[in-house]
Amino acid sequence: MSLDNLTSLSEKAAEHLAKHEGNLSLDALASLSDKGAEALAKHKGGLSLDGLISLSEKAAEALSKHKGDLSLNGLTSLSEKAAEALARHQGFVSLNGKVKKTFDKYKQSN
């Protein structure tokens, strides 16, 4: 399901979307709350959040539990702790640039 025109997401909406089976694209979201990340982490299937430019450590920890491919190609920065959390994700994680280098450092040690 592609909802790439959706620019904001409430926690309740995230909970409902997480129940969708199959791929979920929310590439217009520029931010995601920790609670929203916790809800979306329950989604089973590919999850694309390429509009996000940053991610809190709590949100990264939540998304690390997501079952399915995870796309975060819009991230321009990622703390070491957030990268370490995302590296525990069991599926494929798509990242770009220096964020990918930080992530790869932790992924290789897992």
PDB file of N, CA and C in Angstrom:
ATOM      1  N   MET A   1       0.846  -1.159   0.000  1.00  0.00           N
ATOM      2  CA  MET A   1       0.000   0.000   0.000  1.00  0.00           C
ATOM      3  C   MET A   1       0.900   1.233   0.000  1.00  0.00           C
ATOM      4  N   SER A   2       0.698   2.103  -0.933  1.00  0.00           N
ATOM      5  CA  SER A   2       1.486   3.318  -1.032  1.00  0.00           C
ATOM      6  C   SER A   2       0.660   4.511  -0.560  1.00  0.00           C
ATOM      7  N   LEU A   3       1.143   5.133   0.507  1.00  0.00           N
ATOM      8  CA  LEU A   3       0.523   6.344   1.038  1.00  0.00           C
ATOM      9  C   LEU A   3       1.571   7.454   1.036  1.00  0.00           C
ATOM     10  N   ASP A   4       2.197   7.637  -0.111  1.00  0.00           N
ATOM     11  CA  ASP A   4       3.322   8.554  -0.218  1.00  0.00           C
ATOM     12  C   ASP A   4       2.925  10.027  -0.214  1.00  0.00           C
ATOM     13  N   ASN A   5       1.628  10.333  -0.107  1.00  0.00           N
ATOM     14  CA  ASN A   5       1.193  11.719   0.041  1.00  0.00           C
ATOM     15  C   ASN A   5       0.920  12.070   1.496  1.00  0.00           C
ATOM     16  N   LEU A   6       0.997  11.083   2.374  1.00  0.00           N
ATOM     17  CA  LEU A   6       0.719  11.283   3.789  1.00  0.00           C
ATOM     18  C   LEU A   6       1.924  11.948   4.449  1.00  0.00           C
ATOM     19  N   THR A   7       1.739  13.171   4.970  1.00  0.00           N
ATOM     20  CA  THR A   7       2.868  13.922   5.523  1.00  0.00           C
ATOM     21  C   THR A   7       2.941  13.873   7.042  1.00  0.00           C
ATOM     22  N   SER A   8       1.888  13.407   7.695  1.00  0.00           N
ATOM     23  CA  SER A   8       1.928  13.244   9.147  1.00  0.00           C
ATOM     24  C   SER A   8       1.157  11.990   9.516  1.00  0.00           C
ATOM     25  N   LEU A   9       1.445  11.475  10.694  1.00  0.00           N
ATOM     26  CA  LEU A   9       0.862  10.210  11.102  1.00  0.00           C
ATOM     27  C   LEU A   9       0.660  10.198  12.610  1.00  0.00           C
ATOM     28  N   SER A  10      -0.575  10.021  13.025  1.00  0.00           N
ATOM     29  CA  SER A  10      -0.861   9.923  14.453  1.00  0.00           C
ATOM     30  C   SER A  10      -0.516   8.519  14.932  1.00  0.00           C
ATOM     31  N   GLU A  11      -0.393   8.376  16.229  1.00  0.00           N
ATOM     32  CA  GLU A  11      -0.110   7.057  16.795  1.00  0.00           C
ATOM     33  C   GLU A  11      -1.227   6.084  16.461  1.00  0.00           C
ATOM     34  N   LYS A  12      -2.453   6.549  16.538  1.00  0.00           N
ATOM     35  CA  LYS A  12      -3.616   5.689  16.252  1.00  0.00           C
ATOM     36  C   LYS A  12      -3.612   5.250  14.780  1.00  0.00           C
ATOM     37  N   ALA A  13      -3.308   6.169  13.877  1.00  0.00           N
ATOM     38  CA  ALA A  13      -3.243   5.826  12.452  1.00  0.00           C
ATOM     39  C   ALA A  13      -2.119   4.821  12.207  1.00  0.00           C
ATOM     40  N   ALA A  14      -0.985   4.998  12.895  1.00  0.00           N
ATOM     41  CA  ALA A  14       0.136   4.063  12.749  1.00  0.00           C
ATOM     42  C   ALA A  14      -0.276   2.664  13.209  1.00  0.00           C
ATOM     43  N   GLU A  15      -1.040   2.593  14.289  1.00  0.00           N
ATOM     44  CA  GLU A  15      -1.518   1.305  14.791  1.00  0.00           C
ATOM     45  C   GLU A  15      -2.400   0.605  13.755  1.00  0.00           C
ATOM     46  N   HIS A  16      -3.271   1.374  13.105  1.00  0.00           N
ATOM     47  CA  HIS A  16      -4.151   0.792  12.082  1.00  0.00           C
ATOM     48  C   HIS A  16      -3.348   0.358  10.852  1.00  0.00           C
ATOM     49  N   LEU A  17      -2.420   1.194  10.413  1.00  0.00           N
ATOM     50  CA  LEU A  17      -1.621   0.860   9.238  1.00  0.00           C
ATOM     51  C   LEU A  17      -0.736  -0.357   9.488  1.00  0.00           C
ATOM     52  N   ALA A  18      -0.296  -0.538  10.709  1.00  0.00           N
ATOM     53  CA  ALA A  18       0.562  -1.672  11.041  1.00  0.00           C
ATOM     54  C   ALA A  18      -0.147  -3.004  10.806  1.00  0.00           C
ATOM     55  N   LYS A  19      -1.455  -2.990  10.804  1.00  0.00           N
ATOM     56  CA  LYS A  19      -2.232  -4.219  10.586  1.00  0.00           C
ATOM     57  C   LYS A  19      -2.312  -4.606   9.116  1.00  0.00           C
ATOM     58  N   HIS A  20      -1.918  -3.687   8.223  1.00  0.00           N
ATOM     59  CA  HIS A  20      -1.940  -3.968   6.788  1.00  0.00           C
ATOM     60  C   HIS A  20      -0.955  -5.085   6.469  1.00  0.00           C
ATOM     61  N   GLU A  21      -1.382  -6.038   5.670  1.00  0.00           N
ATOM     62  CA  GLU A  21      -0.501  -7.115   5.246  1.00  0.00           C
ATOM     63  C   GLU A  21       0.107  -6.755   3.906  1.00  0.00           C
ATOM     64  N   GLY A  22       1.404  -6.899   3.798  1.00  0.00           N
ATOM     65  CA  GLY A  22       2.108  -6.561   2.565  1.00  0.00           C
ATOM     66  C   GLY A  22       2.946  -5.306   2.758  1.00  0.00           C
ATOM     67  N   ASN A  23       3.500  -4.825   1.669  1.00  0.00           N
ATOM     68  CA  ASN A  23       4.377  -3.655   1.726  1.00  0.00           C
ATOM     69  C   ASN A  23       3.600  -2.398   2.075  1.00  0.00           C
ATOM     70  N   LEU A  24       4.282  -1.513   2.798  1.00  0.00           N
ATOM     71  CA  LEU A  24       3.688  -0.247   3.227  1.00  0.00           C
ATOM     72  C   LEU A  24       4.691   0.861   2.967  1.00  0.00           C
ATOM     73  N   SER A  25       4.294   1.823   2.140  1.00  0.00           N
ATOM     74  CA  SER A  25       5.169   2.938   1.788  1.00  0.00           C
ATOM     75  C   SER A  25       4.593   4.235   2.333  1.00  0.00           C
ATOM     76  N   LEU A  26       5.384   4.880   3.194  1.00  0.00           N
ATOM     77  CA  LEU A  26       5.006   6.154   3.821  1.00  0.00           C
ATOM     78  C   LEU A  26       6.138   7.156   3.596  1.00  0.00           C
ATOM     79  N   ASP A  27       6.536   7.309   2.342  1.00  0.00           N
ATOM     80  CA  ASP A  27       7.736   8.070   2.015  1.00  0.00           C
ATOM     81  C   ASP A  27       7.611   9.583   2.152  1.00  0.00           C
ATOM     82  N   ALA A  28       6.417  10.120   2.370  1.00  0.00           N
ATOM     83  CA  ALA A  28       6.276  11.565   2.540  1.00  0.00           C
ATOM     84  C   ALA A  28       6.395  11.994   4.001  1.00  0.00           C
ATOM     85  N   LEU A  29       6.440  11.027   4.918  1.00  0.00           N
ATOM     86  CA  LEU A  29       6.584  11.385   6.332  1.00  0.00           C
ATOM     87  C   LEU A  29       7.972  11.980   6.564  1.00  0.00           C
ATOM     88  N   ALA A  30       8.009  13.189   7.121  1.00  0.00           N
ATOM     89  CA  ALA A  30       9.284  13.835   7.421  1.00  0.00           C
ATOM     90  C   ALA A  30       9.718  13.561   8.858  1.00  0.00           C
ATOM     91  N   SER A  31       8.766  13.141   9.690  1.00  0.00           N
ATOM     92  CA  SER A  31       9.098  12.820  11.075  1.00  0.00           C
ATOM     93  C   SER A  31       8.217  11.672  11.547  1.00  0.00           C
ATOM     94  N   LEU A  32       8.699  10.992  12.569  1.00  0.00           N
ATOM     95  CA  LEU A  32       7.982   9.861  13.128  1.00  0.00           C
ATOM     96  C   LEU A  32       8.226   9.846  14.631  1.00  0.00           C
ATOM     97  N   SER A  33       7.155   9.871  15.391  1.00  0.00           N
ATOM     98  CA  SER A  33       7.286   9.844  16.845  1.00  0.00           C
ATOM     99  C   SER A  33       7.761   8.468  17.302  1.00  0.00           C
ATOM    100  N   ASP A  34       8.253   8.413  18.524  1.00  0.00           N
ATOM    101  CA  ASP A  34       8.679   7.131  19.080  1.00  0.00           C
ATOM    102  C   ASP A  34       7.504   6.164  19.155  1.00  0.00           C
ATOM    103  N   LYS A  35       6.346   6.668  19.555  1.00  0.00           N
ATOM    104  CA  LYS A  35       5.140   5.824  19.646  1.00  0.00           C
ATOM    105  C   LYS A  35       4.697   5.363  18.260  1.00  0.00           C
ATOM    106  N   GLY A  36       4.804   6.245  17.280  1.00  0.00           N
ATOM    107  CA  GLY A  36       4.471   5.872  15.902  1.00  0.00           C
ATOM    108  C   GLY A  36       5.396   4.780  15.395  1.00  0.00           C
ATOM    109  N   ALA A  37       6.687   4.887  15.733  1.00  0.00           N
ATOM    110  CA  ALA A  37       7.652   3.859  15.331  1.00  0.00           C
ATOM    111  C   ALA A  37       7.329   2.533  16.002  1.00  0.00           C
ATOM    112  N   GLU A  38       6.960   2.581  17.279  1.00  0.00           N
ATOM    113  CA  GLU A  38       6.589   1.357  17.992  1.00  0.00           C
ATOM    114  C   GLU A  38       5.404   0.672  17.317  1.00  0.00           C
ATOM    115  N   ALA A  39       4.427   1.469  16.906  1.00  0.00           N
ATOM    116  CA  ALA A  39       3.252   0.909  16.245  1.00  0.00           C
ATOM    117  C   ALA A  39       3.620   0.322  14.886  1.00  0.00           C
ATOM    118  N   LEU A  40       4.364   1.073  14.072  1.00  0.00           N
ATOM    119  CA  LEU A  40       4.729   0.595  12.733  1.00  0.00           C
ATOM    120  C   LEU A  40       5.663  -0.606  12.786  1.00  0.00           C
ATOM    121  N   ALA A  41       6.412  -0.752  13.859  1.00  0.00           N
ATOM    122  CA  ALA A  41       7.314  -1.894  13.993  1.00  0.00           C
ATOM    123  C   ALA A  41       6.551  -3.213  14.024  1.00  0.00           C
ATOM    124  N   LYS A  42       5.276  -3.165  14.349  1.00  0.00           N
ATOM    125  CA  LYS A  42       4.444  -4.371  14.400  1.00  0.00           C
ATOM    126  C   LYS A  42       3.962  -4.802  13.008  1.00  0.00           C
ATOM    127  N   HIS A  43       4.173  -3.933  12.015  1.00  0.00           N
ATOM    128  CA  HIS A  43       3.789  -4.243  10.634  1.00  0.00           C
ATOM    129  C   HIS A  43       4.623  -5.404  10.118  1.00  0.00           C
ATOM    130  N   LYS A  44       3.965  -6.348   9.463  1.00  0.00           N
ATOM    131  CA  LYS A  44       4.673  -7.480   8.863  1.00  0.00           C
ATOM    132  C   LYS A  44       4.686  -7.283   7.357  1.00  0.00           C
ATOM    133  N   GLY A  45       5.848  -7.021   6.828  1.00  0.00           N
ATOM    134  CA  GLY A  45       6.010  -6.753   5.408  1.00  0.00           C
ATOM    135  C   GLY A  45       6.991  -5.609   5.228  1.00  0.00           C
ATOM    136  N   GLY A  46       7.289  -5.309   3.987  1.00  0.00           N
ATOM    137  CA  GLY A  46       8.204  -4.217   3.699  1.00  0.00           C
ATOM    138  C   GLY A  46       7.662  -2.893   4.201  1.00  0.00           C
ATOM    139  N   LEU A  47       8.552  -2.072   4.760  1.00  0.00           N
ATOM    140  CA  LEU A  47       8.169  -0.770   5.294  1.00  0.00           C
ATOM    141  C   LEU A  47       9.136   0.273   4.761  1.00  0.00           C
ATOM    142  N   SER A  48       8.603   1.223   4.005  1.00  0.00           N
ATOM    143  CA  SER A  48       9.427   2.280   3.425  1.00  0.00           C
ATOM    144  C   SER A  48       9.098   3.611   4.094  1.00  0.00           C
ATOM    145  N   LEU A  49      10.133   4.194   4.688  1.00  0.00           N
ATOM    146  CA  LEU A  49      10.022   5.488   5.371  1.00  0.00           C
ATOM    147  C   LEU A  49      11.122   6.410   4.849  1.00  0.00           C
ATOM    148  N   ASP A  50      11.241   6.490   3.533  1.00  0.00           N
ATOM    149  CA  ASP A  50      12.339   7.216   2.909  1.00  0.00           C
ATOM    150  C   ASP A  50      12.277   8.729   3.072  1.00  0.00           C
ATOM    151  N   GLY A  51      11.165   9.275   3.561  1.00  0.00           N
ATOM    152  CA  GLY A  51      11.061  10.713   3.782  1.00  0.00           C
ATOM    153  C   GLY A  51      11.679  11.169   5.088  1.00  0.00           C
ATOM    154  N   LEU A  52      11.928  10.242   5.990  1.00  0.00           N
ATOM    155  CA  LEU A  52      12.517  10.609   7.283  1.00  0.00           C
ATOM    156  C   LEU A  52      13.959  11.045   7.090  1.00  0.00           C
ATOM    157  N   ILE A  53      14.337  12.165   7.717  1.00  0.00           N
ATOM    158  CA  ILE A  53      15.730  12.614   7.639  1.00  0.00           C
ATOM    159  C   ILE A  53      16.477  12.344   8.947  1.00  0.00           C
ATOM    160  N   SER A  54      15.731  12.070  10.009  1.00  0.00           N
ATOM    161  CA  SER A  54      16.354  11.708  11.277  1.00  0.00           C
ATOM    162  C   SER A  54      15.463  10.706  11.994  1.00  0.00           C
ATOM    163  N   LEU A  55      16.066  10.038  12.976  1.00  0.00           N
ATOM    164  CA  LEU A  55      15.363   8.994  13.710  1.00  0.00           C
ATOM    165  C   LEU A  55      15.921   8.971  15.130  1.00  0.00           C
ATOM    166  N   SER A  56      15.049   9.058  16.105  1.00  0.00           N
ATOM    167  CA  SER A  56      15.514   9.020  17.496  1.00  0.00           C
ATOM    168  C   SER A  56      16.017   7.625  17.838  1.00  0.00           C
ATOM    169  N   GLU A  57      16.757   7.545  18.925  1.00  0.00           N
ATOM    170  CA  GLU A  57      17.271   6.243  19.367  1.00  0.00           C
ATOM    171  C   GLU A  57      16.122   5.311  19.747  1.00  0.00           C
ATOM    172  N   LYS A  58      15.078   5.858  20.373  1.00  0.00           N
ATOM    173  CA  LYS A  58      13.924   5.031  20.748  1.00  0.00           C
ATOM    174  C   LYS A  58      13.191   4.523  19.515  1.00  0.00           C
ATOM    175  N   ALA A  59      13.033   5.391  18.517  1.00  0.00           N
ATOM    176  CA  ALA A  59      12.369   4.971  17.281  1.00  0.00           C
ATOM    177  C   ALA A  59      13.201   3.909  16.562  1.00  0.00           C
ATOM    178  N   ALA A  60      14.513   4.077  16.546  1.00  0.00           N
ATOM    179  CA  ALA A  60      15.396   3.088  15.919  1.00  0.00           C
ATOM    180  C   ALA A  60      15.296   1.751  16.644  1.00  0.00           C
ATOM    181  N   GLU A  61      15.262   1.802  17.962  1.00  0.00           N
ATOM    182  CA  GLU A  61      15.123   0.580  18.754  1.00  0.00           C
ATOM    183  C   GLU A  61      13.814  -0.128  18.412  1.00  0.00           C
ATOM    184  N   ALA A  62      12.739   0.649  18.315  1.00  0.00           N
ATOM    185  CA  ALA A  62      11.438   0.067  17.972  1.00  0.00           C
ATOM    186  C   ALA A  62      11.471  -0.546  16.580  1.00  0.00           C
ATOM    187  N   LEU A  63      11.990   0.189  15.600  1.00  0.00           N
ATOM    188  CA  LEU A  63      12.009  -0.301  14.217  1.00  0.00           C
ATOM    189  C   LEU A  63      12.951  -1.495  14.041  1.00  0.00           C
ATOM    190  N   SER A  64      13.896  -1.663  14.947  1.00  0.00           N
ATOM    191  CA  SER A  64      14.797  -2.821  14.854  1.00  0.00           C
ATOM    192  C   SER A  64      14.035  -4.127  15.043  1.00  0.00           C
ATOM    193  N   LYS A  65      12.860  -4.056  15.634  1.00  0.00           N
ATOM    194  CA  LYS A  65      12.037  -5.247  15.876  1.00  0.00           C
ATOM    195  C   LYS A  65      11.075  -5.545  14.726  1.00  0.00           C
ATOM    196  N   HIS A  66      11.038  -4.670  13.736  1.00  0.00           N
ATOM    197  CA  HIS A  66      10.158  -4.839  12.580  1.00  0.00           C
ATOM    198  C   HIS A  66      10.507  -6.119  11.823  1.00  0.00           C
ATOM    199  N   LYS A  67       9.494  -6.821  11.388  1.00  0.00           N
ATOM    200  CA  LYS A  67       9.688  -8.053  10.612  1.00  0.00           C
ATOM    201  C   LYS A  67       9.442  -7.745   9.141  1.00  0.00           C
ATOM    202  N   GLY A  68      10.486  -7.659   8.369  1.00  0.00           N
ATOM    203  CA  GLY A  68      10.381  -7.352   6.949  1.00  0.00           C
ATOM    204  C   GLY A  68      11.441  -6.347   6.557  1.00  0.00           C
ATOM    205  N   ASP A  69      11.563  -6.096   5.265  1.00  0.00           N
ATOM    206  CA  ASP A  69      12.541  -5.128   4.778  1.00  0.00           C
ATOM    207  C   ASP A  69      12.177  -3.737   5.274  1.00  0.00           C
ATOM    208  N   LEU A  70      13.215  -2.932   5.520  1.00  0.00           N
ATOM    209  CA  LEU A  70      13.038  -1.589   6.060  1.00  0.00           C
ATOM    210  C   LEU A  70      13.856  -0.616   5.225  1.00  0.00           C
ATOM    211  N   SER A  71      13.190   0.394   4.670  1.00  0.00           N
ATOM    212  CA  SER A  71      13.868   1.386   3.839  1.00  0.00           C
ATOM    213  C   SER A  71      13.846   2.743   4.533  1.00  0.00           C
ATOM    214  N   LEU A  72      15.046   3.259   4.786  1.00  0.00           N
ATOM    215  CA  LEU A  72      15.228   4.555   5.450  1.00  0.00           C
ATOM    216  C   LEU A  72      16.237   5.390   4.665  1.00  0.00           C
ATOM    217  N   ASN A  73      16.069   5.439   3.354  1.00  0.00           N
ATOM    218  CA  ASN A  73      17.049   6.079   2.480  1.00  0.00           C
ATOM    219  C   ASN A  73      17.144   7.591   2.619  1.00  0.00           C
ATOM    220  N   GLY A  74      16.183   8.228   3.284  1.00  0.00           N
ATOM    221  CA  GLY A  74      16.219   9.677   3.436  1.00  0.00           C
ATOM    222  C   GLY A  74      17.019  10.156   4.635  1.00  0.00           C
ATOM    223  N   LEU A  75      17.401   9.243   5.521  1.00  0.00           N
ATOM    224  CA  LEU A  75      18.125   9.654   6.727  1.00  0.00           C
ATOM    225  C   LEU A  75      19.421  10.352   6.360  1.00  0.00           C
ATOM    226  N   THR A  76      19.642  11.520   6.962  1.00  0.00           N
ATOM    227  CA  THR A  76      20.886  12.261   6.724  1.00  0.00           C
ATOM    228  C   THR A  76      21.806  12.193   7.934  1.00  0.00           C
ATOM    229  N   SER A  77      21.270  11.758   9.062  1.00  0.00           N
ATOM    230  CA  SER A  77      22.099  11.566  10.252  1.00  0.00           C
ATOM    231  C   SER A  77      21.502  10.445  11.085  1.00  0.00           C
ATOM    232  N   LEU A  78      22.373   9.803  11.843  1.00  0.00           N
ATOM    233  CA  LEU A  78      21.951   8.698  12.693  1.00  0.00           C
ATOM    234  C   LEU A  78      22.975   8.574  13.809  1.00  0.00           C
ATOM    235  N   SER A  79      22.518   8.652  15.043  1.00  0.00           N
ATOM    236  CA  SER A  79      23.444   8.533  16.167  1.00  0.00           C
ATOM    237  C   SER A  79      24.032   7.130  16.209  1.00  0.00           C
ATOM    238  N   GLU A  80      25.139   7.004  16.898  1.00  0.00           N
ATOM    239  CA  GLU A  80      25.780   5.697  17.040  1.00  0.00           C
ATOM    240  C   GLU A  80      24.824   4.701  17.700  1.00  0.00           C
ATOM    241  N   LYS A  81      24.116   5.139  18.736  1.00  0.00           N
ATOM    242  CA  LYS A  81      23.183   4.242  19.437  1.00  0.00           C
ATOM    243  C   LYS A  81      22.028   3.832  18.543  1.00  0.00           C
ATOM    244  N   ALA A  82      21.522   4.756  17.733  1.00  0.00           N
ATOM    245  CA  ALA A  82      20.436   4.428  16.804  1.00  0.00           C
ATOM    246  C   ALA A  82      20.927   3.445  15.751  1.00  0.00           C
ATOM    247  N   ALA A  83      22.137   3.653  15.248  1.00  0.00           N
ATOM    248  CA  ALA A  83      22.715   2.738  14.252  1.00  0.00           C
ATOM    249  C   ALA A  83      22.903   1.350  14.849  1.00  0.00           C
ATOM    250  N   GLU A  84      23.373   1.316  16.082  1.00  0.00           N
ATOM    251  CA  GLU A  84      23.569   0.030  16.758  1.00  0.00           C
ATOM    252  C   GLU A  84      22.234  -0.703  16.920  1.00  0.00           C
ATOM    253  N   ALA A  85      21.176   0.040  17.267  1.00  0.00           N
ATOM    254  CA  ALA A  85      19.840  -0.555  17.412  1.00  0.00           C
ATOM    255  C   ALA A  85      19.349  -1.088  16.074  1.00  0.00           C
ATOM    256  N   LEU A  86      19.438  -0.283  15.022  1.00  0.00           N
ATOM    257  CA  LEU A  86      18.971  -0.712  13.699  1.00  0.00           C
ATOM    258  C   LEU A  86      19.752  -1.921  13.182  1.00  0.00           C
ATOM    259  N   ALA A  87      20.993  -2.036  13.590  1.00  0.00           N
ATOM    260  CA  ALA A  87      21.820  -3.163  13.139  1.00  0.00           C
ATOM    261  C   ALA A  87      21.287  -4.495  13.657  1.00  0.00           C
ATOM    262  N   ARG A  88      20.459  -4.465  14.674  1.00  0.00           N
ATOM    263  CA  ARG A  88      19.866  -5.696  15.197  1.00  0.00           C
ATOM    264  C   ARG A  88      18.635  -6.135  14.393  1.00  0.00           C
ATOM    265  N   HIS A  89      18.192  -5.312  13.456  1.00  0.00           N
ATOM    266  CA  HIS A  89      17.057  -5.659  12.599  1.00  0.00           C
ATOM    267  C   HIS A  89      17.391  -6.946  11.848  1.00  0.00           C
ATOM    268  N   GLN A  90      16.454  -7.881  11.811  1.00  0.00           N
ATOM    269  CA  GLN A  90      16.706  -9.190  11.225  1.00  0.00           C
ATOM    270  C   GLN A  90      16.552  -9.240   9.708  1.00  0.00           C
ATOM    271  N   GLY A  91      15.938  -8.242   9.110  1.00  0.00           N
ATOM    272  CA  GLY A  91      15.749  -8.224   7.664  1.00  0.00           C
ATOM    273  C   GLY A  91      16.715  -7.282   6.982  1.00  0.00           C
ATOM    274  N   PHE A  92      16.405  -6.948   5.750  1.00  0.00           N
ATOM    275  CA  PHE A  92      17.220  -6.022   4.965  1.00  0.00           C
ATOM    276  C   PHE A  92      16.888  -4.589   5.362  1.00  0.00           C
ATOM    277  N   VAL A  93      17.918  -3.777   5.588  1.00  0.00           N
ATOM    278  CA  VAL A  93      17.741  -2.361   5.892  1.00  0.00           C
ATOM    279  C   VAL A  93      18.440  -1.567   4.802  1.00  0.00           C
ATOM    280  N   SER A  94      17.691  -0.689   4.125  1.00  0.00           N
ATOM    281  CA  SER A  94      18.246   0.132   3.061  1.00  0.00           C
ATOM    282  C   SER A  94      18.523   1.535   3.590  1.00  0.00           C
ATOM    283  N   LEU A  95      19.798   1.945   3.486  1.00  0.00           N
ATOM    284  CA  LEU A  95      20.249   3.270   3.927  1.00  0.00           C
ATOM    285  C   LEU A  95      21.201   3.828   2.884  1.00  0.00           C
ATOM    286  N   ASN A  96      21.456   5.127   2.953  1.00  0.00           N
ATOM    287  CA  ASN A  96      22.359   5.773   2.003  1.00  0.00           C
ATOM    288  C   ASN A  96      23.474   6.538   2.716  1.00  0.00           C
ATOM    289  N   GLY A  97      24.528   6.820   1.989  1.00  0.00           N
ATOM    290  CA  GLY A  97      25.578   7.730   2.426  1.00  0.00           C
ATOM    291  C   GLY A  97      26.270   7.368   3.715  1.00  0.00           C
ATOM    292  N   LYS A  98      26.633   8.423   4.471  1.00  0.00           N
ATOM    293  CA  LYS A  98      27.397   8.213   5.703  1.00  0.00           C
ATOM    294  C   LYS A  98      26.581   7.469   6.748  1.00  0.00           C
ATOM    295  N   VAL A  99      25.255   7.576   6.660  1.00  0.00           N
ATOM    296  CA  VAL A  99      24.389   6.838   7.575  1.00  0.00           C
ATOM    297  C   VAL A  99      24.590   5.339   7.370  1.00  0.00           C
ATOM    298  N   LYS A 100      24.705   4.929   6.131  1.00  0.00           N
ATOM    299  CA  LYS A 100      24.927   3.511   5.817  1.00  0.00           C
ATOM    300  C   LYS A 100      26.275   3.042   6.376  1.00  0.00           C
ATOM    301  N   LYS A 101      27.292   3.886   6.286  1.00  0.00           N
ATOM    302  CA  LYS A 101      28.608   3.518   6.800  1.00  0.00           C
ATOM    303  C   LYS A 101      28.561   3.307   8.310  1.00  0.00           C
ATOM    304  N   THR A 102      27.857   4.196   9.012  1.00  0.00           N
ATOM    305  CA  THR A 102      27.713   4.054  10.467  1.00  0.00           C
ATOM    306  C   THR A 102      26.969   2.775  10.789  1.00  0.00           C
ATOM    307  N   PHE A 103      25.877   2.515  10.070  1.00  0.00           N
ATOM    308  CA  PHE A 103      25.077   1.305  10.267  1.00  0.00           C
ATOM    309  C   PHE A 103      25.911   0.050   9.986  1.00  0.00           C
ATOM    310  N   ASP A 104      26.640   0.049   8.872  1.00  0.00           N
ATOM    311  CA  ASP A 104      27.414  -1.121   8.461  1.00  0.00           C
ATOM    312  C   ASP A 104      28.452  -1.506   9.515  1.00  0.00           C
ATOM    313  N   LYS A 105      29.006  -0.505  10.184  1.00  0.00           N
ATOM    314  CA  LYS A 105      29.998  -0.764  11.222  1.00  0.00           C
ATOM    315  C   LYS A 105      29.416  -1.663  12.311  1.00  0.00           C
ATOM    316  N   TYR A 106      28.165  -1.415  12.679  1.00  0.00           N
ATOM    317  CA  TYR A 106      27.506  -2.208  13.716  1.00  0.00           C
ATOM    318  C   TYR A 106      26.932  -3.508  13.154  1.00  0.00           C
ATOM    319  N   LYS A 107      26.443  -3.481  11.938  1.00  0.00           N
ATOM    320  CA  LYS A 107      25.855  -4.677  11.335  1.00  0.00           C
ATOM    321  C   LYS A 107      26.904  -5.783  11.210  1.00  0.00           C
ATOM    322  N   GLN A 108      28.114  -5.409  10.875  1.00  0.00           N
ATOM    323  CA  GLN A 108      29.168  -6.391  10.705  1.00  0.00           C
ATOM    324  C   GLN A 108      29.557  -7.044  12.029  1.00  0.00           C
ATOM    325  N   SER A 109      29.374  -6.336  13.128  1.00  0.00           N
ATOM    326  CA  SER A 109      29.747  -6.898  14.429  1.00  0.00           C
ATOM    327  C   SER A 109      28.640  -7.759  15.031  1.00  0.00           C
ATOM    328  N   ASN A 110      27.454  -7.746  14.416  1.00  0.00           N
ATOM    329  CA  ASN A 110      26.332  -8.578  14.927  1.00  0.00           C
ATOM    330  C   ASN A 110      26.365  -9.958  14.333  1.00  0.00           C
TER     331      ASN A 110
END
